[in-house]
Amino acid sequence: MTNQAEFTTTTSDGVIVVAIKGEVDIANVDELRLCLEQATRERGPGIVVDLTAASYFDSRTIALLADFATRMRVHRQRVAVVAPNDGFAARILQIAGLPLIVPAYPSLAEALGAVRQVAGA
């Protein structure tokens, strides 16, 4: 694979959104890890990882997301993933069983709503 990926961080009403565009593999998974760790420095109800524009990711990425969500739970923060139903990400996440650990939503709006709802509960 290649190291052609972009990781951008934005905030939507206090919820941090880390968007991934391109391919994530061994060449750049540590860059994603750093991006997620930096996002945790912002205090908020949780983090949404948007995989809508991710064209490829491997098992290291799945393991990173599972570990990240588990660590965030310890700090009482929520992690949700955006993976449109008809996309690459949704298929791979289902096969790997990640939605059992990290809830996946077909749209950014739904993922943001879920993180905010849990924070308000």
Protein backbone atom coordinates (compact mmCIF):
# COMPACT_ATOMS: atom_id res chain seq x y z
CA MET A 1 0.00 0.00 0.00
CA THR A 2 0.98 3.65 0.19
CA ASN A 3 1.23 6.36 2.79
CA GLN A 4 -1.31 8.49 0.95
CA ALA A 5 -3.76 9.36 3.68
CA GLU A 6 -5.05 12.58 5.15
CA PHE A 7 -6.20 12.93 8.73
CA THR A 8 -8.16 16.04 9.62
CA THR A 9 -9.57 17.05 12.97
CA THR A 10 -12.56 19.34 13.42
CA THR A 11 -15.09 19.98 16.18
CA SER A 12 -18.88 19.90 15.96
CA ASP A 13 -20.66 21.24 19.05
CA GLY A 14 -17.91 19.94 21.31
CA VAL A 15 -17.57 16.54 19.63
CA ILE A 16 -14.22 16.00 17.97
CA VAL A 17 -14.34 14.52 14.46
CA VAL A 18 -11.27 12.81 13.02
CA ALA A 19 -11.81 12.28 9.29
CA ILE A 20 -9.71 9.81 7.35
CA LYS A 21 -9.23 10.14 3.61
CA GLY A 22 -7.29 7.64 1.56
CA GLU A 23 -5.39 4.51 2.54
CA VAL A 24 -4.28 3.60 6.07
CA ASP A 25 -1.76 0.80 6.48
CA ILE A 26 1.53 0.00 8.21
CA ALA A 27 3.16 3.04 6.58
CA ASN A 28 0.90 5.57 8.27
CA VAL A 29 -1.12 3.92 11.04
CA ASP A 30 1.16 5.54 13.62
CA GLU A 31 0.26 8.93 12.17
CA LEU A 32 -3.41 8.07 12.75
CA ARG A 33 -2.60 6.94 16.29
CA LEU A 34 -0.93 10.29 16.97
CA CYS A 35 -3.90 12.17 15.51
CA LEU A 36 -6.32 10.26 17.77
CA GLU A 37 -4.13 10.81 20.82
CA GLN A 38 -3.96 14.54 20.10
CA ALA A 39 -7.74 14.62 19.74
CA THR A 40 -8.14 13.22 23.27
CA ARG A 41 -6.45 16.30 24.68
CA GLU A 42 -9.60 18.23 23.90
CA ARG A 43 -12.18 17.62 26.58
CA GLY A 44 -15.56 16.74 25.19
CA PRO A 45 -18.22 14.06 25.19
CA GLY A 46 -16.38 11.90 22.70
CA ILE A 47 -14.74 11.44 19.35
CA VAL A 48 -16.18 10.45 15.99
CA VAL A 49 -13.87 8.73 13.51
CA ASP A 50 -15.20 9.36 10.01
CA LEU A 51 -14.23 6.60 7.59
CA THR A 52 -16.45 7.83 4.76
CA ALA A 53 -13.48 8.78 2.56
CA ALA A 54 -11.19 5.94 3.66
CA SER A 55 -10.44 3.83 0.60
CA TYR A 56 -8.43 1.17 2.43
CA PHE A 57 -7.36 0.20 5.93
CA ASP A 58 -5.84 -2.95 7.33
CA SER A 59 -6.04 -5.00 10.51
CA ARG A 60 -3.68 -2.61 12.30
CA THR A 61 -6.19 0.18 11.82
CA ILE A 62 -9.02 -1.98 13.14
CA ALA A 63 -6.94 -2.94 16.18
CA LEU A 64 -6.06 0.72 16.75
CA LEU A 65 -9.72 1.76 16.68
CA ALA A 66 -10.73 -1.04 19.06
CA ASP A 67 -7.95 -0.20 21.51
CA PHE A 68 -8.66 3.52 21.28
CA ALA A 69 -12.36 3.04 22.01
CA THR A 70 -11.58 0.82 24.99
CA ARG A 71 -9.17 3.40 26.44
CA MET A 72 -11.67 6.21 25.88
CA ARG A 73 -14.36 4.26 27.74
CA VAL A 74 -12.10 4.22 30.81
CA HIS A 75 -12.12 8.03 30.67
CA ARG A 76 -15.90 8.06 30.24
CA GLN A 77 -15.70 9.31 26.68
CA ARG A 78 -17.47 7.78 23.73
CA VAL A 79 -16.06 6.81 20.34
CA ALA A 80 -18.26 6.29 17.29
CA VAL A 81 -17.34 5.47 13.71
CA VAL A 82 -18.92 6.72 10.49
CA ALA A 83 -19.06 4.00 7.84
CA PRO A 84 -21.72 4.42 5.13
CA ASN A 85 -23.67 1.19 4.61
CA ASP A 86 -22.62 0.75 0.98
CA GLY A 87 -18.94 1.56 1.48
CA PHE A 88 -15.68 -0.30 1.91
CA ALA A 89 -15.39 0.65 5.58
CA ALA A 90 -18.76 -0.77 6.60
CA ARG A 91 -18.02 -4.13 4.98
CA ILE A 92 -14.59 -4.46 6.57
CA LEU A 93 -15.79 -3.34 10.01
CA GLN A 94 -18.64 -5.89 9.90
CA ILE A 95 -16.30 -8.71 8.92
CA ALA A 96 -13.89 -7.77 11.72
CA GLY A 97 -16.67 -7.43 14.29
CA LEU A 98 -15.63 -3.90 15.26
CA PRO A 99 -19.22 -2.63 15.72
CA LEU A 100 -19.39 -4.90 18.79
CA ILE A 101 -16.71 -2.67 20.35
CA VAL A 102 -17.18 0.65 18.57
CA PRO A 103 -20.65 1.61 17.34
CA ALA A 104 -20.74 2.39 13.62
CA TYR A 105 -23.24 4.74 11.99
CA PRO A 106 -24.00 5.31 8.30
CA SER A 107 -23.73 9.10 8.55
CA LEU A 108 -21.78 11.74 10.41
CA ALA A 109 -25.00 13.28 11.72
CA GLU A 110 -26.07 9.97 13.28
CA ALA A 111 -22.66 9.37 14.86
CA LEU A 112 -22.56 12.90 16.29
CA GLY A 113 -26.09 12.49 17.63
CA ALA A 114 -25.21 9.21 19.32
CA VAL A 115 -22.12 10.66 21.01
CA ARG A 116 -24.05 13.73 22.17
CA GLN A 117 -26.98 11.62 23.42
CA VAL A 118 -24.74 9.44 25.57
CA ALA A 119 -23.00 12.54 26.92
CA GLY A 120 -26.35 14.04 27.88
CA ALA A 121 -27.62 10.87 29.56
